[in-house]
Amino acid sequence: MRGGVDILSIDSKMQVRCRDLMKKYKDLPMDLADGSLVVLAEINNIEKVFTLDHKDFQVYRFSRNQKFNLLPAHLG
């Protein structure tokens, strides 16, 4: 079986959450793309994130202060 890619949209409530996260992580700073990924991960219970931005995603937390499982692993 082959995997695929899901295209997810962000509603107005999720946009507010994204802005809140961007304020929380303003010292990094968190941009809209990162904030959107964190919000979508929270909503969809996703803990694995493919990113080349391990530096910031090692700091970001989602649902109950959990760390993300970052891919590719060799960058960590």
Protein backbone atom coordinates (compact mmCIF):
# COMPACT_ATOMS: atom_id res chain seq x y z
CA MET A 1 0.00 0.00 0.00
CA ARG A 2 1.30 3.45 -0.87
CA GLY A 3 0.95 6.46 1.40
CA GLY A 4 -0.24 9.83 0.28
CA VAL A 5 -0.36 13.44 1.25
CA ASP A 6 -3.32 15.09 2.92
CA ILE A 7 -4.04 18.74 2.25
CA LEU A 8 -5.54 20.28 5.37
CA SER A 9 -7.11 23.70 5.79
CA ILE A 10 -7.09 26.02 8.77
CA ASP A 11 -10.35 27.55 9.99
CA SER A 12 -10.70 30.84 11.90
CA LYS A 13 -10.46 29.16 15.34
CA MET A 14 -7.23 27.47 14.28
CA GLN A 15 -5.90 30.80 12.98
CA VAL A 16 -6.41 32.30 16.44
CA ARG A 17 -4.51 29.38 18.00
CA CYS A 18 -1.73 29.87 15.45
CA ARG A 19 -1.42 33.55 16.37
CA ASP A 20 -1.30 32.62 20.06
CA LEU A 21 1.53 30.16 19.39
CA MET A 22 3.41 32.75 17.34
CA LYS A 23 3.22 35.12 20.33
CA LYS A 24 4.30 32.37 22.73
CA TYR A 25 7.35 31.48 20.63
CA LYS A 26 8.15 35.02 19.45
CA ASP A 27 11.74 34.69 20.73
CA LEU A 28 12.55 32.04 18.06
CA PRO A 29 10.47 33.53 16.19
CA MET A 30 7.75 31.12 15.09
CA ASP A 31 6.49 31.91 11.60
CA LEU A 32 3.06 31.21 10.10
CA ALA A 33 4.21 27.96 8.46
CA ASP A 34 5.53 26.53 11.74
CA GLY A 35 2.49 27.72 13.67
CA SER A 36 0.18 26.10 11.13
CA LEU A 37 2.02 22.78 11.42
CA VAL A 38 1.80 22.82 15.21
CA VAL A 39 -1.92 23.67 15.17
CA LEU A 40 -2.70 20.97 12.61
CA ALA A 41 -0.65 18.47 14.63
CA GLU A 42 -2.64 19.34 17.76
CA ILE A 43 -6.02 19.01 16.05
CA ASN A 44 -5.17 15.79 14.21
CA ASN A 45 -3.09 14.10 16.96
CA ILE A 46 0.00 14.04 14.77
CA GLU A 47 3.30 13.66 16.59
CA LYS A 48 5.62 13.00 13.62
CA VAL A 49 6.67 16.07 11.66
CA PHE A 50 8.92 16.17 8.63
CA THR A 51 10.96 19.35 8.86
CA LEU A 52 14.47 20.61 8.21
CA ASP A 53 13.92 23.13 11.03
CA HIS A 54 14.88 20.82 13.90
CA LYS A 55 16.31 23.73 15.90
CA ASP A 56 12.88 25.30 16.41
CA PHE A 57 10.77 22.13 16.38
CA GLN A 58 12.83 20.71 19.25
CA VAL A 59 11.48 23.65 21.28
CA TYR A 60 7.84 23.61 20.11
CA ARG A 61 5.37 21.57 22.14
CA PHE A 62 1.90 20.32 21.32
CA SER A 63 -0.97 18.73 23.27
CA ARG A 64 -0.04 18.41 26.93
CA ASN A 65 3.54 19.62 26.47
CA GLN A 66 4.62 16.74 24.21
CA LYS A 67 7.71 16.93 22.02
CA PHE A 68 7.45 16.22 18.31
CA ASN A 69 9.01 13.13 16.73
CA LEU A 70 11.10 14.85 14.05
CA LEU A 71 11.93 13.42 10.64
CA PRO A 72 14.45 13.01 9.12
CA ALA A 73 16.01 11.73 12.33
CA HIS A 74 19.62 12.31 11.25
CA LEU A 75 19.30 16.10 11.67
CA GLY A 76 18.60 15.88 15.41
